[in-house]
Structure formats: C-alpha cells, structure tokens
N, C-alpha and C. Protein backbone atom coordinates (compact mmCIF):
# COMPACT_ATOMS: atom_id res chain seq x y z
N THR A 1 -87.78 -58.97 37.88
CA THR A 1 -88.48 -59.37 39.64
C THR A 1 -86.96 -58.52 40.09
N VAL A 2 -87.27 -58.89 41.26
CA VAL A 2 -85.87 -57.72 42.35
C VAL A 2 -85.84 -59.52 43.16
N ALA A 3 -84.44 -58.74 43.57
CA ALA A 3 -84.48 -60.68 44.37
C ALA A 3 -82.95 -59.41 45.41
N LEU A 4 -83.53 -60.04 46.72
CA LEU A 4 -82.14 -59.51 47.77
C LEU A 4 -81.32 -60.49 47.88
N ARG A 5 -79.89 -60.55 48.15
CA ARG A 5 -79.24 -61.26 48.26
C ARG A 5 -79.16 -61.01 49.45
N LEU A 6 -78.82 -62.44 50.03
CA LEU A 6 -78.42 -63.33 51.46
C LEU A 6 -77.46 -63.55 51.51
N PRO A 7 -76.90 -63.88 53.12
CA PRO A 7 -75.90 -64.26 53.25
C PRO A 7 -76.55 -66.51 53.63
N ALA A 8 -76.14 -67.00 53.23
CA ALA A 8 -76.36 -68.28 53.77
C ALA A 8 -76.12 -68.78 54.51
N PRO A 9 -76.97 -69.62 55.69
CA PRO A 9 -76.08 -69.66 57.13
C PRO A 9 -74.95 -71.09 56.95
N VAL A 10 -74.02 -70.86 57.39
CA VAL A 10 -72.78 -71.67 57.68
C VAL A 10 -72.89 -72.58 58.81
N ALA A 11 -72.52 -73.34 57.98
CA ALA A 11 -71.92 -74.28 59.21
C ALA A 11 -70.63 -74.36 59.72
N GLY A 12 -70.56 -74.57 61.33
CA GLY A 12 -69.87 -74.67 62.21
C GLY A 12 -68.22 -75.25 61.52
N GLY A 13 -67.48 -75.38 62.75
CA GLY A 13 -66.14 -76.11 62.34
C GLY A 13 -65.36 -75.05 62.17
N ALA A 14 -63.94 -75.10 62.56
CA ALA A 14 -62.67 -74.70 62.38
C ALA A 14 -62.70 -73.80 60.86
N ALA A 15 -62.51 -75.01 59.78
CA ALA A 15 -62.70 -73.90 58.39
C ALA A 15 -63.36 -73.05 58.55
N THR A 16 -64.54 -72.87 59.12
CA THR A 16 -65.54 -71.36 58.86
C THR A 16 -64.98 -70.36 59.98
N GLU A 17 -64.17 -70.72 61.45
CA GLU A 17 -64.04 -70.13 62.13
C GLU A 17 -62.80 -69.47 61.73
N LEU A 18 -61.94 -69.68 60.85
CA LEU A 18 -60.69 -69.17 60.56
C LEU A 18 -61.26 -68.26 59.06
N GLY A 19 -62.03 -68.38 58.63
CA GLY A 19 -62.48 -67.95 56.60
C GLY A 19 -61.84 -68.94 55.73
N LEU A 20 -61.37 -69.97 55.88
CA LEU A 20 -61.23 -70.80 54.61
C LEU A 20 -61.79 -71.09 54.35
N THR A 21 -63.82 -71.16 54.22
CA THR A 21 -64.71 -71.28 53.64
C THR A 21 -65.26 -70.21 53.50
N ALA A 22 -65.67 -70.39 51.73
CA ALA A 22 -66.12 -68.93 50.84
C ALA A 22 -67.22 -68.75 51.24
N LEU A 23 -68.13 -67.69 51.89
CA LEU A 23 -69.08 -66.99 51.78
C LEU A 23 -70.14 -67.67 50.54
N SER A 24 -71.62 -67.74 50.75
CA SER A 24 -72.86 -68.32 49.56
C SER A 24 -73.56 -67.37 50.37
N PHE A 25 -74.01 -66.95 49.47
CA PHE A 25 -75.67 -65.78 49.02
C PHE A 25 -76.96 -67.49 48.46
N SER A 26 -77.81 -66.75 48.94
CA SER A 26 -79.14 -67.34 48.43
C SER A 26 -79.82 -65.86 48.00
N ASP A 27 -80.21 -65.92 46.69
CA ASP A 27 -81.18 -65.05 45.92
C ASP A 27 -82.09 -64.69 46.80
N VAL A 28 -83.71 -64.16 46.80
CA VAL A 28 -85.18 -64.44 47.59
C VAL A 28 -85.68 -63.62 47.16
N THR A 29 -86.54 -63.66 45.88
CA THR A 29 -87.55 -62.84 45.36
C THR A 29 -88.14 -61.92 46.15
N ILE A 30 -88.29 -61.04 45.78
CA ILE A 30 -89.49 -60.27 46.93
C ILE A 30 -90.36 -59.44 46.40
N SER A 31 -91.62 -59.86 46.52
CA SER A 31 -92.77 -59.06 45.51
C SER A 31 -94.04 -58.23 46.52
N PRO A 32 -94.43 -57.41 46.08
CA PRO A 32 -94.40 -56.96 44.59
C PRO A 32 -93.24 -55.88 45.27
N ALA A 33 -92.54 -55.37 43.82
CA ALA A 33 -91.80 -53.84 44.23
C ALA A 33 -92.07 -53.31 42.81
N VAL A 34 -91.88 -51.55 43.67
CA VAL A 34 -91.81 -51.19 42.07
C VAL A 34 -89.96 -50.33 42.24
N ILE A 35 -89.43 -50.05 40.90
CA ILE A 35 -88.12 -49.87 40.36
C ILE A 35 -87.80 -48.34 39.81
N ARG A 36 -87.62 -47.24 40.10
CA ARG A 36 -87.22 -46.11 39.71
C ARG A 36 -86.39 -45.99 39.37
N SER A 37 -85.55 -45.71 38.26
CA SER A 37 -84.20 -45.47 37.81
C SER A 37 -84.42 -43.74 38.19
N LEU A 38 -83.36 -43.48 39.37
CA LEU A 38 -82.97 -41.85 39.21
C LEU A 38 -81.92 -41.41 38.54
N PRO A 39 -81.58 -40.64 38.59
CA PRO A 39 -80.84 -39.72 37.85
C PRO A 39 -79.22 -39.83 38.44
N SER A 40 -78.33 -40.23 37.31
CA SER A 40 -77.01 -40.86 37.53
C SER A 40 -76.14 -39.58 38.01
N SER A 41 -75.82 -40.27 39.58
CA SER A 41 -74.35 -39.78 40.49
C SER A 41 -73.75 -38.14 39.72
N GLY A 42 -72.93 -37.80 39.94
CA GLY A 42 -71.62 -38.08 39.90
C GLY A 42 -70.74 -38.03 39.43
N GLN A 43 -70.70 -39.19 39.48
CA GLN A 43 -69.05 -40.50 38.68
C GLN A 43 -69.94 -40.86 37.73
N GLY A 44 -71.16 -41.12 37.44
CA GLY A 44 -71.75 -41.28 36.36
C GLY A 44 -72.80 -43.29 36.84
N ALA A 45 -72.81 -43.42 37.99
CA ALA A 45 -73.42 -45.05 38.96
C ALA A 45 -74.79 -44.42 38.30
N GLU A 46 -74.94 -45.98 38.25
CA GLU A 46 -76.91 -45.68 37.97
C GLU A 46 -76.93 -45.74 39.29
N ARG A 47 -78.54 -45.28 39.58
CA ARG A 47 -78.96 -45.32 40.69
C ARG A 47 -80.61 -45.76 40.50
N TYR A 48 -81.24 -46.60 41.62
CA TYR A 48 -82.59 -46.75 41.77
C TYR A 48 -83.55 -46.58 43.01
N GLU A 49 -84.07 -46.44 42.81
CA GLU A 49 -84.82 -46.19 44.08
C GLU A 49 -85.83 -47.58 44.21
N ILE A 50 -86.23 -48.29 45.21
CA ILE A 50 -87.02 -49.64 44.95
C ILE A 50 -87.63 -49.87 46.05
N LEU A 51 -89.25 -49.58 45.39
CA LEU A 51 -89.89 -49.75 46.87
C LEU A 51 -90.79 -50.96 47.19
N LEU A 52 -90.35 -51.26 48.32
CA LEU A 52 -91.01 -52.99 48.41
C LEU A 52 -91.95 -53.01 49.69
N SER A 53 -92.75 -53.80 49.82
CA SER A 53 -93.81 -53.86 50.37
C SER A 53 -93.38 -54.37 52.10
N ALA A 54 -93.65 -53.45 53.17
CA ALA A 54 -93.52 -53.44 55.10
C ALA A 54 -94.09 -55.37 55.15
N GLY A 55 -95.24 -55.64 54.60
CA GLY A 55 -95.33 -56.89 54.62
C GLY A 55 -94.54 -58.47 54.67
N ALA A 56 -94.44 -57.81 52.65
CA ALA A 56 -93.49 -59.10 52.57
C ALA A 56 -92.02 -59.15 52.88
N LEU A 57 -91.59 -57.77 53.30
CA LEU A 57 -90.35 -57.69 54.06
C LEU A 57 -90.32 -58.35 56.01
N GLN A 58 -91.29 -58.06 55.99
CA GLN A 58 -91.57 -58.35 57.30
C GLN A 58 -91.32 -59.93 56.98
N LYS A 59 -92.57 -61.03 56.30
CA LYS A 59 -92.50 -62.13 56.82
C LYS A 59 -91.21 -62.82 56.20
N LEU A 60 -89.61 -62.44 54.69
CA LEU A 60 -89.55 -62.36 54.85
C LEU A 60 -87.80 -62.58 55.87
N ALA A 61 -88.10 -61.03 56.89
CA ALA A 61 -87.71 -61.12 58.36
C ALA A 61 -87.97 -62.53 58.70
N GLU A 62 -89.03 -62.17 59.20
CA GLU A 62 -89.20 -64.02 60.03
C GLU A 62 -88.78 -64.97 59.28
N MET A 63 -88.90 -65.09 58.16
CA MET A 63 -88.67 -66.97 57.31
C MET A 63 -86.58 -66.94 57.96
N GLN A 64 -85.60 -65.46 57.74
CA GLN A 64 -85.16 -65.94 58.29
C GLN A 64 -84.13 -65.83 59.50
N ASN A 65 -85.28 -65.55 60.46
CA ASN A 65 -84.82 -65.35 61.79
C ASN A 65 -84.00 -64.05 61.96
N ALA A 66 -84.38 -62.84 61.30
CA ALA A 66 -83.53 -61.50 61.58
C ALA A 66 -84.99 -61.31 62.43
N ALA A 67 -84.22 -60.51 63.48
CA ALA A 67 -84.02 -59.44 64.37
C ALA A 67 -85.58 -58.72 63.83
N SER A 68 -85.41 -57.81 63.36
CA SER A 68 -85.98 -56.95 62.45
C SER A 68 -86.17 -56.70 60.58
N VAL A 69 -86.52 -56.17 60.14
CA VAL A 69 -86.06 -55.96 58.43
C VAL A 69 -85.02 -55.44 58.46
N ASN A 70 -84.52 -54.08 59.46
CA ASN A 70 -83.57 -53.44 59.33
C ASN A 70 -82.78 -53.77 59.76
N SER A 71 -82.62 -55.08 60.46
CA SER A 71 -81.48 -55.52 60.39
C SER A 71 -81.15 -56.86 59.10
N LEU A 72 -81.98 -57.67 58.66
CA LEU A 72 -82.67 -58.09 57.31
C LEU A 72 -81.86 -57.20 56.65
N LEU A 73 -82.26 -55.91 56.01
CA LEU A 73 -81.31 -55.69 55.61
C LEU A 73 -79.92 -55.22 55.18
N ALA A 74 -79.82 -54.51 56.43
CA ALA A 74 -78.46 -54.86 57.04
C ALA A 74 -77.60 -55.71 56.33
N SER A 75 -78.22 -56.85 56.66
CA SER A 75 -77.34 -58.12 56.31
C SER A 75 -77.42 -58.40 54.81
N ALA A 76 -78.04 -57.75 54.04
CA ALA A 76 -78.20 -58.30 52.42
C ALA A 76 -77.14 -58.15 51.92
N ALA A 77 -76.18 -58.71 50.57
CA ALA A 77 -75.75 -58.10 49.88
C ALA A 77 -75.70 -57.19 49.43
N GLY A 78 -76.68 -56.99 48.83
CA GLY A 78 -77.61 -55.66 48.05
C GLY A 78 -78.92 -56.79 47.28
N LEU A 79 -79.38 -55.61 46.04
CA LEU A 79 -80.68 -56.78 45.82
C LEU A 79 -80.57 -56.64 44.80
N VAL A 80 -80.53 -57.61 43.84
CA VAL A 80 -80.50 -58.31 42.06
C VAL A 80 -81.52 -58.52 41.24
N TYR A 81 -81.20 -56.88 40.32
CA TYR A 81 -82.13 -56.27 39.45
C TYR A 81 -81.84 -56.29 38.24
N ASN A 82 -82.69 -57.30 37.04
CA ASN A 82 -81.75 -57.00 35.84
C ASN A 82 -80.21 -57.95 35.76
N GLY A 83 -80.31 -58.26 36.64
CA GLY A 83 -78.75 -59.21 36.32
C GLY A 83 -77.83 -58.87 37.01
N LYS A 84 -77.83 -57.92 37.87
CA LYS A 84 -76.81 -56.73 38.35
C LYS A 84 -77.55 -56.28 39.63
N LEU A 85 -75.88 -56.49 40.84
CA LEU A 85 -76.08 -56.23 41.98
C LEU A 85 -75.85 -54.47 43.05
N LEU A 86 -77.31 -54.63 43.20
CA LEU A 86 -77.61 -53.23 43.23
C LEU A 86 -76.59 -53.41 44.62
N LEU A 87 -75.97 -52.16 45.61
CA LEU A 87 -75.77 -51.41 47.13
C LEU A 87 -76.30 -50.55 47.42
N ILE A 88 -77.24 -51.08 48.69
CA ILE A 88 -78.20 -50.61 49.04
C ILE A 88 -77.08 -49.62 49.98
N TYR A 89 -77.32 -48.03 49.87
CA TYR A 89 -77.37 -46.68 50.45
C TYR A 89 -78.03 -46.36 51.73
N ASP A 90 -79.51 -46.58 50.65
CA ASP A 90 -79.76 -45.90 52.15
C ASP A 90 -81.14 -46.37 52.75
N VAL A 91 -81.81 -46.65 53.85
CA VAL A 91 -83.12 -47.15 53.86
C VAL A 91 -84.04 -46.35 54.47
N THR A 92 -85.38 -46.01 53.84
CA THR A 92 -85.82 -44.92 55.09
C THR A 92 -87.67 -45.73 54.75
N ALA A 93 -88.74 -45.90 56.02
CA ALA A 93 -89.99 -46.67 56.38
C ALA A 93 -90.64 -45.53 55.96
N ASP A 94 -91.63 -45.32 55.56
CA ASP A 94 -93.30 -45.13 55.29
C ASP A 94 -94.22 -45.95 56.77
N ALA A 95 -94.26 -45.09 57.05
CA ALA A 95 -95.71 -45.91 58.15
C ALA A 95 -96.25 -44.20 58.41
N PHE A 96 -97.50 -45.34 58.98
CA PHE A 96 -99.20 -45.18 59.72
C PHE A 96 -99.20 -45.37 60.56
N ALA A 97 -99.80 -44.26 61.24
CA ALA A 97 -99.47 -45.81 62.80
C ALA A 97 -99.01 -46.08 63.50
N GLY A 98 -97.63 -45.21 63.54
CA GLY A 98 -95.99 -46.24 63.68
C GLY A 98 -96.21 -47.31 63.61
N SER A 99 -96.71 -48.05 62.06
CA SER A 99 -96.60 -49.37 61.48
C SER A 99 -96.03 -48.74 60.58
N PRO A 100 -94.81 -49.67 59.89
CA PRO A 100 -94.65 -49.04 58.75
C PRO A 100 -95.21 -50.41 57.41
N TYR A 101 -95.22 -49.42 56.23
CA TYR A 101 -96.06 -49.49 54.98
C TYR A 101 -95.54 -50.02 54.21
N LEU A 102 -94.48 -48.79 53.86
CA LEU A 102 -92.84 -48.95 52.66
C LEU A 102 -92.18 -48.97 53.00
N TYR A 103 -91.26 -49.64 52.30
CA TYR A 103 -89.73 -49.61 52.58
C TYR A 103 -89.13 -48.43 50.86
N ARG A 104 -88.28 -47.45 51.41
CA ARG A 104 -88.07 -47.06 50.57
C ARG A 104 -86.29 -47.35 50.23
N LEU A 105 -85.56 -48.67 49.16
CA LEU A 105 -83.94 -48.35 49.47
C LEU A 105 -83.68 -47.94 48.22
N HIS A 106 -82.94 -47.53 48.76
CA HIS A 106 -82.22 -46.66 47.74
C HIS A 106 -80.70 -47.57 47.11
N ALA A 107 -80.39 -47.26 46.14
CA ALA A 107 -79.24 -48.71 45.75
C ALA A 107 -78.27 -48.38 44.50
N THR A 108 -76.91 -48.88 44.17
CA THR A 108 -76.31 -48.29 43.18
C THR A 108 -75.45 -49.32 42.78
N VAL A 109 -75.63 -49.44 41.67
CA VAL A 109 -74.58 -50.26 40.77
C VAL A 109 -73.24 -50.17 41.49
N ASN A 110 -72.55 -48.92 41.45
CA ASN A 110 -71.05 -48.51 41.93
C ASN A 110 -70.85 -47.92 43.93
N SER A 111 -70.29 -48.56 43.88
CA SER A 111 -69.49 -48.82 45.55
C SER A 111 -69.51 -47.94 45.92
N ALA A 112 -69.62 -46.65 45.11
CA ALA A 112 -68.86 -45.46 46.06
C ALA A 112 -69.97 -44.59 46.39
N LEU A 113 -70.94 -45.01 46.33
CA LEU A 113 -71.60 -44.40 47.14
C LEU A 113 -72.26 -45.12 48.55
N ARG A 114 -72.30 -45.82 48.99
CA ARG A 114 -71.99 -46.45 49.88
C ARG A 114 -71.52 -46.15 50.87
N THR A 115 -70.44 -45.08 49.96
CA THR A 115 -69.03 -45.38 51.52
C THR A 115 -69.22 -43.56 51.67
N ALA A 116 -70.05 -43.30 50.91
CA ALA A 116 -70.07 -41.19 50.56
C ALA A 116 -71.49 -40.85 51.60
N VAL A 117 -72.57 -42.09 51.98
CA VAL A 117 -73.46 -41.81 52.85
C VAL A 117 -73.34 -42.10 54.01
C-alpha cells in the first residue's frame, strides 16, 4: 500500500505561532496505486515511480480542503511505501481532453535528489 503523509491540522495559539508545538502528520492511504522501481541514482539512492489515479487524488484534495491536487502534493511530506518515507521530487499529470486521469510521481529515499531537480 501507498500512503500520502500530510500535515495534520494545527490548533491556533501562541505556542503554535512561535513554533513551540511539534508538527504532526497523518498517513492517508491512496488506491489504486502502481509502484515501479527505477534505476538507482548516481548517489545510490532508491528511486521509484508511483502512478496514482487522478480521481482518487481529487477526492483526497477535496477532503483535505486543498485548492488543487498539485497543492495537496506540494504540502505532503512524502509518500510512505514499505515502511519508508519517500520524498517526492517530480510530479507530472497525464491528461485526456484537458482533464488529468493519471499522476506520475517520482520519489526517492534520499533527499539529495529533491534539491537537484
């Protein structure tokens, strides 16, 4: 299974505004999902391509009150797969007649790729 790690809503207050409250996250399972291993990077990092249904992501974006699927994915801390937190470094959408039907996410266990892209 694949889960998107999203920031949990925070209660307002002085402690939160000053950064004294630890961030909390929730993992939301997404299905259907297809995961493919990609060749390792030059740094030896595990890389994956994750294919996700646009419909499932759109429903999740609405449930999370996100402006769009792209803003939902931008707010995510990453994807959880096989107990590993994968950092998303690239997102593309395949569309037909102007409507996305599939999202391709590229993710890695190593954060070095995130800054390289």
